[in-house]
Structure formats: C-alpha cells, structure tokens
Amino acid sequence: MKVWIDQDGCVGNGVCADLAGTVFAFDGEYAYVCDGERVLTEPGALVPVPVGLESAVLAAADECPVGCIYLEAD
C-alpha cells in the first residue's frame, strides 16, 4: 500500500500525524507524508506504508475530516 495527501484539501487538524506519526508529519498548517526521516512537501508525493503501520494509516484516512488522504494498492 502507498499513501499520499492532497495538501490543497488539507485543513490542518493533524489527526493523521496523531494516528500515524511515522508516516505523516504536521507543520501546524498542513500534513505531509514521510519517507523514513524525510518529510516530503512536494504535491502528490507518494510513499510506501511501512509494514505494520497499515491499520494506523487506514485509520488516519478514515478520520481525516476532509478526506484528503489517498491510498493506492502496490
């Protein structure tokens, strides 16, 4: 599974980073995906979900109030 965030739709509540902080980063305004230690700020950045974090990422996508977290199958 891979994940990306549409920053144009992000309203900045940070629930994704609360639920899966190793996959998502929140800068106080927008959320971004992370590739290991790197925060990817370019629009449409797509990263693989680390093994064991799938359920946390799914929960983050479900809890996003604007539905701007997108998942893609490998």
N, C-alpha and C. Protein backbone atom coordinates (compact mmCIF):
# COMPACT_ATOMS: atom_id res chain seq x y z
N MET A 1 0.84 -1.18 0.00
CA MET A 1 0.00 0.00 0.00
C MET A 1 0.88 1.25 0.00
N LYS A 2 0.41 2.25 -0.73
CA LYS A 2 1.10 3.54 -0.75
C LYS A 2 0.10 4.63 -0.36
N VAL A 3 0.61 5.76 0.09
CA VAL A 3 -0.25 6.84 0.57
C VAL A 3 0.28 8.18 0.11
N TRP A 4 -0.65 9.10 -0.11
CA TRP A 4 -0.31 10.49 -0.40
C TRP A 4 -1.40 11.39 0.16
N ILE A 5 -1.08 12.67 0.31
CA ILE A 5 -2.01 13.66 0.84
C ILE A 5 -2.17 14.78 -0.18
N ASP A 6 -3.42 15.18 -0.39
CA ASP A 6 -3.71 16.34 -1.22
C ASP A 6 -3.68 17.58 -0.33
N GLN A 7 -2.57 18.30 -0.33
CA GLN A 7 -2.44 19.47 0.53
C GLN A 7 -3.45 20.56 0.19
N ASP A 8 -3.93 20.60 -1.05
CA ASP A 8 -4.94 21.61 -1.41
C ASP A 8 -6.22 21.42 -0.62
N GLY A 9 -6.49 20.18 -0.20
CA GLY A 9 -7.69 19.91 0.58
C GLY A 9 -7.47 19.88 2.07
N CYS A 10 -6.22 19.81 2.49
CA CYS A 10 -5.88 19.67 3.91
C CYS A 10 -6.34 20.91 4.69
N VAL A 11 -7.04 20.66 5.81
CA VAL A 11 -7.47 21.76 6.67
C VAL A 11 -6.62 21.88 7.93
N GLY A 12 -5.63 21.03 8.05
CA GLY A 12 -4.65 21.18 9.12
C GLY A 12 -5.09 20.80 10.51
N ASN A 13 -5.90 19.75 10.66
CA ASN A 13 -6.25 19.36 12.02
C ASN A 13 -5.23 18.40 12.63
N GLY A 14 -4.38 17.78 11.82
CA GLY A 14 -3.27 16.97 12.32
C GLY A 14 -3.61 15.59 12.85
N VAL A 15 -4.86 15.14 12.65
CA VAL A 15 -5.23 13.82 13.17
C VAL A 15 -4.38 12.71 12.54
N CYS A 16 -3.98 12.87 11.30
CA CYS A 16 -3.17 11.84 10.64
C CYS A 16 -1.83 11.66 11.35
N ALA A 17 -1.19 12.76 11.69
CA ALA A 17 0.08 12.68 12.40
C ALA A 17 -0.10 12.13 13.81
N ASP A 18 -1.25 12.40 14.43
CA ASP A 18 -1.53 11.84 15.74
C ASP A 18 -1.67 10.32 15.68
N LEU A 19 -2.29 9.82 14.62
CA LEU A 19 -2.56 8.39 14.50
C LEU A 19 -1.40 7.60 13.89
N ALA A 20 -0.63 8.22 13.03
CA ALA A 20 0.46 7.51 12.34
C ALA A 20 1.63 8.47 12.12
N GLY A 21 2.24 8.89 13.21
CA GLY A 21 3.29 9.92 13.18
C GLY A 21 4.56 9.55 12.46
N THR A 22 4.78 8.28 12.17
CA THR A 22 5.97 7.93 11.40
C THR A 22 5.70 7.98 9.90
N VAL A 23 4.43 8.06 9.52
CA VAL A 23 4.06 8.13 8.10
C VAL A 23 3.67 9.56 7.71
N PHE A 24 3.11 10.31 8.66
CA PHE A 24 2.64 11.66 8.40
C PHE A 24 3.35 12.66 9.31
N ALA A 25 3.60 13.84 8.75
CA ALA A 25 4.15 14.95 9.53
C ALA A 25 3.19 16.12 9.43
N PHE A 26 3.11 16.90 10.48
CA PHE A 26 2.23 18.06 10.50
C PHE A 26 3.05 19.27 10.90
N ASP A 27 3.01 20.33 10.08
CA ASP A 27 3.83 21.51 10.35
C ASP A 27 3.04 22.63 11.03
N GLY A 28 1.84 22.32 11.51
CA GLY A 28 1.00 23.33 12.13
C GLY A 28 0.00 23.93 11.16
N GLU A 29 0.23 23.73 9.88
CA GLU A 29 -0.69 24.23 8.87
C GLU A 29 -1.18 23.11 7.95
N TYR A 30 -0.23 22.27 7.49
CA TYR A 30 -0.56 21.18 6.57
C TYR A 30 0.10 19.89 7.02
N ALA A 31 -0.47 18.79 6.53
CA ALA A 31 0.11 17.47 6.76
C ALA A 31 0.85 17.03 5.50
N TYR A 32 1.88 16.24 5.71
CA TYR A 32 2.70 15.71 4.62
C TYR A 32 3.01 14.25 4.90
N VAL A 33 3.39 13.52 3.84
CA VAL A 33 3.83 12.15 4.04
C VAL A 33 5.33 12.15 4.31
N CYS A 34 5.77 11.09 4.97
CA CYS A 34 7.19 10.93 5.29
C CYS A 34 7.74 9.69 4.61
N ASP A 35 8.96 9.80 4.14
CA ASP A 35 9.69 8.67 3.60
C ASP A 35 10.86 8.45 4.53
N GLY A 36 10.66 7.60 5.53
CA GLY A 36 11.65 7.45 6.58
C GLY A 36 11.71 8.72 7.39
N GLU A 37 12.88 9.31 7.48
CA GLU A 37 13.06 10.55 8.24
C GLU A 37 12.76 11.80 7.42
N ARG A 38 12.61 11.64 6.11
CA ARG A 38 12.38 12.79 5.22
C ARG A 38 10.91 13.14 5.13
N VAL A 39 10.57 14.39 5.34
CA VAL A 39 9.22 14.90 5.13
C VAL A 39 9.14 15.38 3.68
N LEU A 40 8.20 14.81 2.94
CA LEU A 40 8.07 15.15 1.52
C LEU A 40 6.99 16.21 1.35
N THR A 41 7.40 17.40 0.97
CA THR A 41 6.47 18.52 0.86
C THR A 41 5.99 18.77 -0.57
N GLU A 42 6.54 18.06 -1.54
CA GLU A 42 6.10 18.28 -2.91
C GLU A 42 4.70 17.69 -3.10
N PRO A 43 3.85 18.41 -3.82
CA PRO A 43 2.47 17.94 -4.04
C PRO A 43 2.43 16.55 -4.67
N GLY A 44 1.54 15.72 -4.15
CA GLY A 44 1.36 14.38 -4.70
C GLY A 44 2.42 13.37 -4.34
N ALA A 45 3.30 13.70 -3.41
CA ALA A 45 4.35 12.76 -3.01
C ALA A 45 3.70 11.48 -2.52
N LEU A 46 4.12 10.36 -3.08
CA LEU A 46 3.56 9.06 -2.79
C LEU A 46 4.61 8.20 -2.11
N VAL A 47 4.27 7.62 -0.96
CA VAL A 47 5.24 6.80 -0.23
C VAL A 47 4.64 5.45 0.13
N PRO A 48 5.49 4.43 0.20
CA PRO A 48 5.01 3.14 0.68
C PRO A 48 4.73 3.20 2.18
N VAL A 49 3.67 2.52 2.59
CA VAL A 49 3.34 2.45 4.01
C VAL A 49 4.20 1.36 4.64
N PRO A 50 4.96 1.68 5.68
CA PRO A 50 5.81 0.66 6.31
C PRO A 50 4.98 -0.50 6.86
N VAL A 51 5.56 -1.68 6.79
CA VAL A 51 4.92 -2.89 7.31
C VAL A 51 4.57 -2.67 8.78
N GLY A 52 3.37 -3.05 9.13
CA GLY A 52 2.92 -2.91 10.50
C GLY A 52 2.16 -1.62 10.78
N LEU A 53 2.21 -0.67 9.84
CA LEU A 53 1.52 0.61 10.05
C LEU A 53 0.28 0.77 9.17
N GLU A 54 -0.07 -0.29 8.46
CA GLU A 54 -1.21 -0.22 7.55
C GLU A 54 -2.50 0.18 8.27
N SER A 55 -2.77 -0.44 9.40
CA SER A 55 -4.03 -0.14 10.10
C SER A 55 -4.04 1.29 10.63
N ALA A 56 -2.90 1.81 11.07
CA ALA A 56 -2.83 3.19 11.55
C ALA A 56 -3.05 4.17 10.40
N VAL A 57 -2.52 3.86 9.24
CA VAL A 57 -2.70 4.73 8.06
C VAL A 57 -4.15 4.68 7.59
N LEU A 58 -4.75 3.49 7.60
CA LEU A 58 -6.16 3.37 7.24
C LEU A 58 -7.04 4.17 8.21
N ALA A 59 -6.71 4.10 9.50
CA ALA A 59 -7.46 4.87 10.50
C ALA A 59 -7.30 6.37 10.26
N ALA A 60 -6.10 6.80 9.92
CA ALA A 60 -5.85 8.22 9.64
C ALA A 60 -6.68 8.68 8.44
N ALA A 61 -6.72 7.85 7.40
CA ALA A 61 -7.52 8.20 6.22
C ALA A 61 -9.00 8.27 6.57
N ASP A 62 -9.46 7.34 7.39
CA ASP A 62 -10.87 7.33 7.80
C ASP A 62 -11.22 8.53 8.67
N GLU A 63 -10.29 8.96 9.52
CA GLU A 63 -10.55 10.05 10.46
C GLU A 63 -10.31 11.44 9.88
N CYS A 64 -9.66 11.51 8.72
CA CYS A 64 -9.41 12.82 8.10
C CYS A 64 -10.75 13.49 7.83
N PRO A 65 -10.97 14.69 8.39
CA PRO A 65 -12.28 15.34 8.25
C PRO A 65 -12.63 15.78 6.83
N VAL A 66 -11.63 15.89 5.97
CA VAL A 66 -11.90 16.32 4.60
C VAL A 66 -11.56 15.26 3.56
N GLY A 67 -11.10 14.10 4.01
CA GLY A 67 -10.83 13.01 3.09
C GLY A 67 -9.72 13.28 2.09
N CYS A 68 -8.67 13.94 2.53
CA CYS A 68 -7.59 14.29 1.59
C CYS A 68 -6.40 13.32 1.66
N ILE A 69 -6.56 12.19 2.35
CA ILE A 69 -5.52 11.15 2.40
C ILE A 69 -5.94 10.05 1.43
N TYR A 70 -5.07 9.74 0.49
CA TYR A 70 -5.39 8.79 -0.56
C TYR A 70 -4.47 7.57 -0.47
N LEU A 71 -5.06 6.41 -0.64
CA LEU A 71 -4.33 5.15 -0.59
C LEU A 71 -4.33 4.51 -1.96
N GLU A 72 -3.22 3.87 -2.29
CA GLU A 72 -3.10 3.14 -3.55
C GLU A 72 -2.54 1.76 -3.26
N ALA A 73 -3.04 0.77 -3.97
CA ALA A 73 -2.52 -0.59 -3.81
C ALA A 73 -1.14 -0.67 -4.47
N ASP A 74 -0.33 -1.56 -3.95
CA ASP A 74 1.01 -1.77 -4.54
C ASP A 74 0.89 -2.41 -5.91
